[in-house]
Amino acid sequence: MTSLHTALLQSSGRPGDVAHNLRVIEDAARSAAATGAGLLACPELFLTGYAIGGDVHRLAETADGDSAQAIGKIAAEHGIAVLYGYPERAAHDEPDSAAVYNSAQLIGPSGERLANYRKTHLFGCFEHEWFTPGERTVVQAELAGLRVGLLICYDVEFPENVRAHALAGTDLLLVPTAQMHPFQFVAESVIPVRAFENQMYVAYVNRVGAEGEFEFVGLSCLAGPDGVVRTRAGRTEQLVRAEVDAAFLKQSRADNPYLHDRRPELYGPLT
């Protein structure tokens, strides 16, 4: 494993304006790459905006659609991997081709699509009205010698999801989110605990400000396997950065044997 300098883009972009949001991603990728970052992570549904109602279906794209190709070019131009959230239209050859998913896609630094994840645990009436839940809990990719996993927002609040990633060897868990008031304790407290109890880095990157009926709280962070937050954004649009240190992760896992000391034979009643 190697280390990975990681940038978190805390922004809501411009809801409903994909072209504008692509420009924001390009500007952030340029800035992050200039500081040595190898990964730029953007929030949940950043491509289109979150509170867009019926426009979800109009703006949804397939995983290999125009925006994926545009972000691939941005990533390749600046030599930086990019994670972004977007509404994903199911491919024509899928059983439910009319479905739309709340998805996140990781594009590699050469412009290649590395991983695509569909949110499995939908939150609130809005998401249940417009999205179909995904069925795969663990989606991973290799990046800079690290095993990177993807979840989205509410997914990380279910400890089973994060533990599944830990058991699958995830080193860095990327969590684009649309965390809203009054649930800021998730960013402040839950994320560092998830990182510690599962011995991984967790990058939690949020939207910020008012959008429709929602008020997003910001507070994006990257927490280490010791439960210590390496970087924390405030309540405004920001680009924050921190190091995912592979050597520290290896030592932390040796010192904190949670996974080794588990007793799975006792956990059957949980399911």
Protein backbone atom coordinates (compact mmCIF):
# COMPACT_ATOMS: atom_id res chain seq x y z
CA MET A 1 0.00 0.00 0.00
CA THR A 2 1.03 3.60 -0.53
CA SER A 3 -0.27 6.90 0.80
CA LEU A 4 -2.90 8.96 -0.98
CA HIS A 5 -3.32 12.70 -0.62
CA THR A 6 -7.09 13.19 -0.71
CA ALA A 7 -9.16 16.33 -1.35
CA LEU A 8 -12.79 16.78 -0.31
CA LEU A 9 -14.95 19.24 -2.24
CA GLN A 10 -17.61 20.60 0.11
CA SER A 11 -20.10 22.29 -2.19
CA SER A 12 -23.67 22.07 -3.45
CA GLY A 13 -22.80 23.40 -6.88
CA ARG A 14 -25.79 24.76 -8.75
CA PRO A 15 -28.84 22.44 -8.50
CA GLY A 16 -30.22 21.49 -11.90
CA ASP A 17 -27.20 22.79 -13.84
CA VAL A 18 -24.99 19.84 -14.83
CA ALA A 19 -22.72 21.94 -17.05
CA HIS A 20 -21.96 24.34 -14.22
CA ASN A 21 -21.29 21.51 -11.78
CA LEU A 22 -18.89 19.89 -14.23
CA ARG A 23 -16.97 23.18 -14.32
CA VAL A 24 -16.84 23.20 -10.51
CA ILE A 25 -15.42 19.67 -10.57
CA GLU A 26 -12.82 20.71 -13.15
CA ASP A 27 -11.74 23.74 -11.09
CA ALA A 28 -11.52 21.64 -7.93
CA ALA A 29 -9.57 18.90 -9.73
CA ARG A 30 -7.09 21.46 -11.01
CA SER A 31 -6.64 23.00 -7.55
CA ALA A 32 -6.39 19.65 -5.78
CA ALA A 33 -3.90 18.21 -8.26
CA ALA A 34 -1.74 21.32 -7.91
CA THR A 35 -1.31 20.50 -4.20
CA GLY A 36 -0.35 16.89 -4.91
CA ALA A 37 -3.74 15.29 -4.32
CA GLY A 38 -4.36 11.98 -6.08
CA LEU A 39 -8.09 11.87 -5.35
CA LEU A 40 -10.91 14.41 -5.38
CA ALA A 41 -14.16 13.39 -3.67
CA CYS A 42 -17.42 15.28 -4.35
CA PRO A 43 -20.76 15.11 -2.47
CA GLU A 44 -23.89 13.03 -3.00
CA LEU A 45 -25.76 13.87 -6.23
CA PHE A 46 -23.26 16.65 -6.90
CA LEU A 47 -23.65 16.39 -10.64
CA THR A 48 -27.30 17.47 -10.62
CA GLY A 49 -28.12 18.77 -7.15
CA TYR A 50 -30.09 16.97 -4.46
CA ALA A 51 -33.43 18.79 -4.10
CA ILE A 52 -34.43 18.62 -7.76
CA GLY A 53 -37.69 16.67 -7.49
CA GLY A 54 -39.03 15.40 -10.80
CA ASP A 55 -35.89 16.55 -12.60
CA VAL A 56 -34.21 13.44 -11.20
CA HIS A 57 -35.48 11.40 -14.15
CA ARG A 58 -34.75 14.12 -16.70
CA LEU A 59 -31.15 14.56 -15.54
CA ALA A 60 -30.34 10.92 -14.84
CA GLU A 61 -27.58 9.36 -16.95
CA THR A 62 -26.21 5.88 -17.42
CA ALA A 63 -22.91 5.09 -15.69
CA ASP A 64 -21.06 5.49 -18.99
CA GLY A 65 -22.99 8.58 -20.09
CA ASP A 66 -21.86 12.01 -21.26
CA SER A 67 -20.97 13.28 -17.80
CA ALA A 68 -18.93 10.19 -16.98
CA GLN A 69 -16.96 10.78 -20.17
CA ALA A 70 -16.51 14.47 -19.34
CA ILE A 71 -15.24 13.68 -15.84
CA GLY A 72 -12.95 11.03 -17.33
CA LYS A 73 -11.34 13.75 -19.45
CA ILE A 74 -11.01 16.04 -16.41
CA ALA A 75 -9.39 13.26 -14.39
CA ALA A 76 -6.96 12.37 -17.16
CA GLU A 77 -6.02 15.98 -17.86
CA HIS A 78 -5.09 16.63 -14.23
CA GLY A 79 -3.91 13.14 -13.31
CA ILE A 80 -6.31 12.83 -10.39
CA ALA A 81 -9.03 10.31 -9.52
CA VAL A 82 -12.53 11.78 -9.09
CA LEU A 83 -15.48 10.48 -7.08
CA TYR A 84 -18.84 12.11 -7.79
CA GLY A 85 -22.50 11.52 -6.96
CA TYR A 86 -25.19 11.48 -9.64
CA PRO A 87 -28.64 10.02 -10.47
CA GLU A 88 -27.96 6.88 -12.49
CA ARG A 89 -30.36 5.65 -15.14
CA ALA A 90 -30.34 1.88 -15.46
CA ALA A 91 -28.81 0.48 -18.62
CA HIS A 92 -31.17 -0.71 -21.36
CA ASP A 93 -30.17 -4.33 -20.85
CA GLU A 94 -30.99 -4.38 -17.12
CA PRO A 95 -34.21 -6.07 -15.93
CA ASP A 96 -35.65 -2.78 -14.64
CA SER A 97 -34.40 -0.39 -17.31
CA ALA A 98 -36.70 2.39 -16.05
CA ALA A 99 -35.05 2.47 -12.62
CA VAL A 100 -33.04 5.46 -11.37
CA TYR A 101 -30.46 5.01 -8.62
CA ASN A 102 -28.75 7.43 -6.25
CA SER A 103 -25.22 6.53 -7.31
CA ALA A 104 -21.57 7.40 -6.87
CA GLN A 105 -18.87 6.70 -9.43
CA LEU A 106 -15.10 6.62 -9.06
CA ILE A 107 -13.08 7.65 -12.10
CA GLY A 108 -9.36 6.82 -12.15
CA PRO A 109 -6.51 9.27 -12.83
CA SER A 110 -6.23 8.04 -16.40
CA GLY A 111 -9.93 8.68 -17.02
CA GLU A 112 -11.09 5.06 -16.65
CA ARG A 113 -14.25 4.10 -14.73
CA LEU A 114 -13.10 2.18 -11.64
CA ALA A 115 -16.27 1.58 -9.62
CA ASN A 116 -19.96 2.49 -9.56
CA TYR A 117 -22.11 2.15 -6.43
CA ARG A 118 -25.88 2.43 -6.00
CA LYS A 119 -27.13 3.63 -2.61
CA THR A 120 -28.67 0.69 -0.76
CA HIS A 121 -30.38 2.48 2.15
CA LEU A 122 -32.62 5.30 0.95
CA PHE A 123 -33.45 8.13 3.35
CA GLY A 124 -36.76 9.95 3.71
CA CYS A 125 -39.78 10.41 1.49
CA PHE A 126 -37.86 12.25 -1.25
CA GLU A 127 -35.40 9.46 -1.93
CA HIS A 128 -38.00 6.70 -1.66
CA GLU A 129 -40.21 8.54 -4.18
CA TRP A 130 -37.57 9.03 -6.86
CA PHE A 131 -34.95 6.30 -6.46
CA THR A 132 -34.66 2.52 -6.53
CA PRO A 133 -32.35 1.06 -3.84
CA GLY A 134 -29.20 -0.72 -4.93
CA GLU A 135 -28.50 -4.32 -3.97
CA ARG A 136 -24.70 -4.50 -3.61
CA THR A 137 -23.32 -3.45 -0.22
CA VAL A 138 -19.61 -3.75 -1.00
CA VAL A 139 -18.24 -2.07 -4.11
CA GLN A 140 -14.48 -1.55 -4.24
CA ALA A 141 -11.64 -0.49 -6.51
CA GLU A 142 -7.87 -0.38 -6.34
CA LEU A 143 -6.36 3.11 -6.32
CA ALA A 144 -2.74 4.02 -5.60
CA GLY A 145 -2.18 0.68 -3.90
CA LEU A 146 -5.18 1.14 -1.60
CA ARG A 147 -8.47 -0.75 -1.61
CA VAL A 148 -11.12 1.95 -1.87
CA GLY A 149 -14.78 1.31 -1.01
CA LEU A 150 -17.94 3.32 -1.70
CA LEU A 151 -21.05 4.06 0.36
CA ILE A 152 -23.47 7.01 0.21
CA CYS A 153 -24.72 9.12 3.13
CA TYR A 154 -27.34 7.14 5.12
CA ASP A 155 -25.58 3.88 4.26
CA VAL A 156 -22.72 4.68 6.64
CA GLU A 157 -25.12 5.06 9.55
CA PHE A 158 -25.74 1.29 9.42
CA PRO A 159 -22.74 -0.32 11.14
CA GLU A 160 -23.29 -3.53 9.19
CA ASN A 161 -22.42 -1.77 5.94
CA VAL A 162 -19.10 -0.46 7.18
CA ARG A 163 -18.19 -3.74 8.87
CA ALA A 164 -18.86 -5.54 5.58
CA HIS A 165 -16.31 -3.23 3.98
CA ALA A 166 -13.83 -3.87 6.77
CA LEU A 167 -14.16 -7.64 6.31
CA ALA A 168 -13.65 -7.16 2.56
CA GLY A 169 -10.41 -5.29 3.18
CA THR A 170 -11.42 -1.71 2.45
CA ASP A 171 -8.62 0.71 3.41
CA LEU A 172 -10.34 3.98 2.49
CA LEU A 173 -14.13 4.29 2.55
CA LEU A 174 -15.48 7.17 0.44
CA VAL A 175 -18.88 8.47 1.54
CA PRO A 176 -20.40 11.27 -0.55
CA THR A 177 -23.26 12.64 1.50
CA ALA A 178 -26.13 15.12 1.70
CA GLN A 179 -26.16 15.38 5.49
CA MET A 180 -28.78 17.84 6.67
CA HIS A 181 -29.78 19.67 9.85
CA PRO A 182 -30.31 18.48 12.62
CA PHE A 183 -28.17 15.37 12.05
CA GLN A 184 -24.74 16.99 12.15
CA PHE A 185 -23.72 14.60 14.96
CA VAL A 186 -23.15 12.00 12.22
CA ALA A 187 -20.32 14.06 10.75
CA GLU A 188 -19.03 15.09 14.16
CA SER A 189 -19.22 11.77 16.04
CA VAL A 190 -20.39 8.77 14.02
CA ILE A 191 -17.80 9.02 11.24
CA PRO A 192 -14.71 9.00 13.52
CA VAL A 193 -16.19 6.04 15.43
CA ARG A 194 -16.86 4.11 12.21
CA ALA A 195 -13.25 4.67 11.17
CA PHE A 196 -11.92 3.47 14.54
CA GLU A 197 -14.14 0.44 15.06
CA ASN A 198 -13.47 -0.81 11.53
CA GLN A 199 -9.80 0.22 11.28
CA MET A 200 -9.98 2.19 8.06
CA TYR A 201 -9.93 5.74 6.79
CA VAL A 202 -13.36 7.27 6.13
CA ALA A 203 -13.80 10.31 3.88
CA TYR A 204 -17.20 11.95 4.39
CA VAL A 205 -17.88 14.75 1.90
CA ASN A 206 -21.01 16.83 2.27
CA ARG A 207 -23.17 19.40 0.56
CA VAL A 208 -23.57 22.77 2.29
CA GLY A 209 -26.21 25.48 2.66
CA ALA A 210 -29.91 25.73 1.89
CA GLU A 211 -31.38 23.76 -1.01
CA GLY A 212 -35.13 23.48 -1.37
CA GLU A 213 -36.54 22.28 1.95
CA PHE A 214 -33.15 21.05 3.15
CA GLU A 215 -30.29 22.71 5.00
CA PHE A 216 -27.03 20.87 4.50
CA VAL A 217 -24.59 21.19 7.38
CA GLY A 218 -21.18 20.84 5.72
CA LEU A 219 -18.61 19.52 8.26
CA SER A 220 -16.97 17.24 5.68
CA CYS A 221 -14.12 15.27 7.19
CA LEU A 222 -11.52 12.57 6.73
CA ALA A 223 -11.13 10.37 9.83
CA GLY A 224 -8.31 7.92 10.47
CA PRO A 225 -8.31 4.43 11.97
CA ASP A 226 -7.38 5.95 15.34
CA GLY A 227 -10.66 7.89 15.35
CA VAL A 228 -8.84 11.19 14.87
CA VAL A 229 -10.15 13.58 12.23
CA ARG A 230 -7.34 14.60 9.86
CA THR A 231 -9.23 17.46 8.24
CA ARG A 232 -12.61 19.09 8.88
CA ALA A 233 -14.49 21.63 6.78
CA GLY A 234 -16.74 24.26 8.31
CA ARG A 235 -20.18 25.43 7.14
CA THR A 236 -19.15 27.08 3.88
CA GLU A 237 -17.96 25.89 0.47
CA GLN A 238 -14.42 24.59 0.89
CA LEU A 239 -11.79 22.30 -0.58
CA VAL A 240 -10.01 20.52 2.27
CA ARG A 241 -7.20 17.98 2.06
CA ALA A 242 -5.58 15.28 4.17
CA GLU A 243 -3.28 12.29 3.82
CA VAL A 244 -4.42 8.67 3.84
CA ASP A 245 -1.27 7.13 5.36
CA ALA A 246 -0.92 3.46 4.45
CA ALA A 247 1.90 2.79 6.90
CA PHE A 248 -0.10 4.26 9.77
CA LEU A 249 -3.12 2.17 8.77
CA LYS A 250 -1.06 -1.01 8.82
CA GLN A 251 0.32 -0.26 12.29
CA SER A 252 -3.09 0.75 13.62
CA ARG A 253 -4.60 -2.55 12.48
CA ALA A 254 -1.82 -4.43 14.26
CA ASP A 255 -2.46 -2.47 17.47
CA ASN A 256 -6.29 -2.67 17.36
CA PRO A 257 -7.34 -6.25 16.54
CA TYR A 258 -11.10 -5.73 16.35
CA LEU A 259 -11.52 -7.89 13.27
CA HIS A 260 -9.29 -10.65 14.65
CA ASP A 261 -11.14 -10.73 17.98
CA ARG A 262 -14.63 -10.98 16.52
CA ARG A 263 -16.76 -14.03 17.39
CA PRO A 264 -19.09 -14.39 14.39
CA GLU A 265 -20.65 -17.57 15.78
CA LEU A 266 -22.40 -15.37 18.37
CA TYR A 267 -23.87 -12.90 15.90
CA GLY A 268 -26.44 -15.09 14.13
CA PRO A 269 -29.44 -13.56 15.97
CA LEU A 270 -28.56 -10.15 14.50
CA THR A 271 -29.98 -11.22 11.16
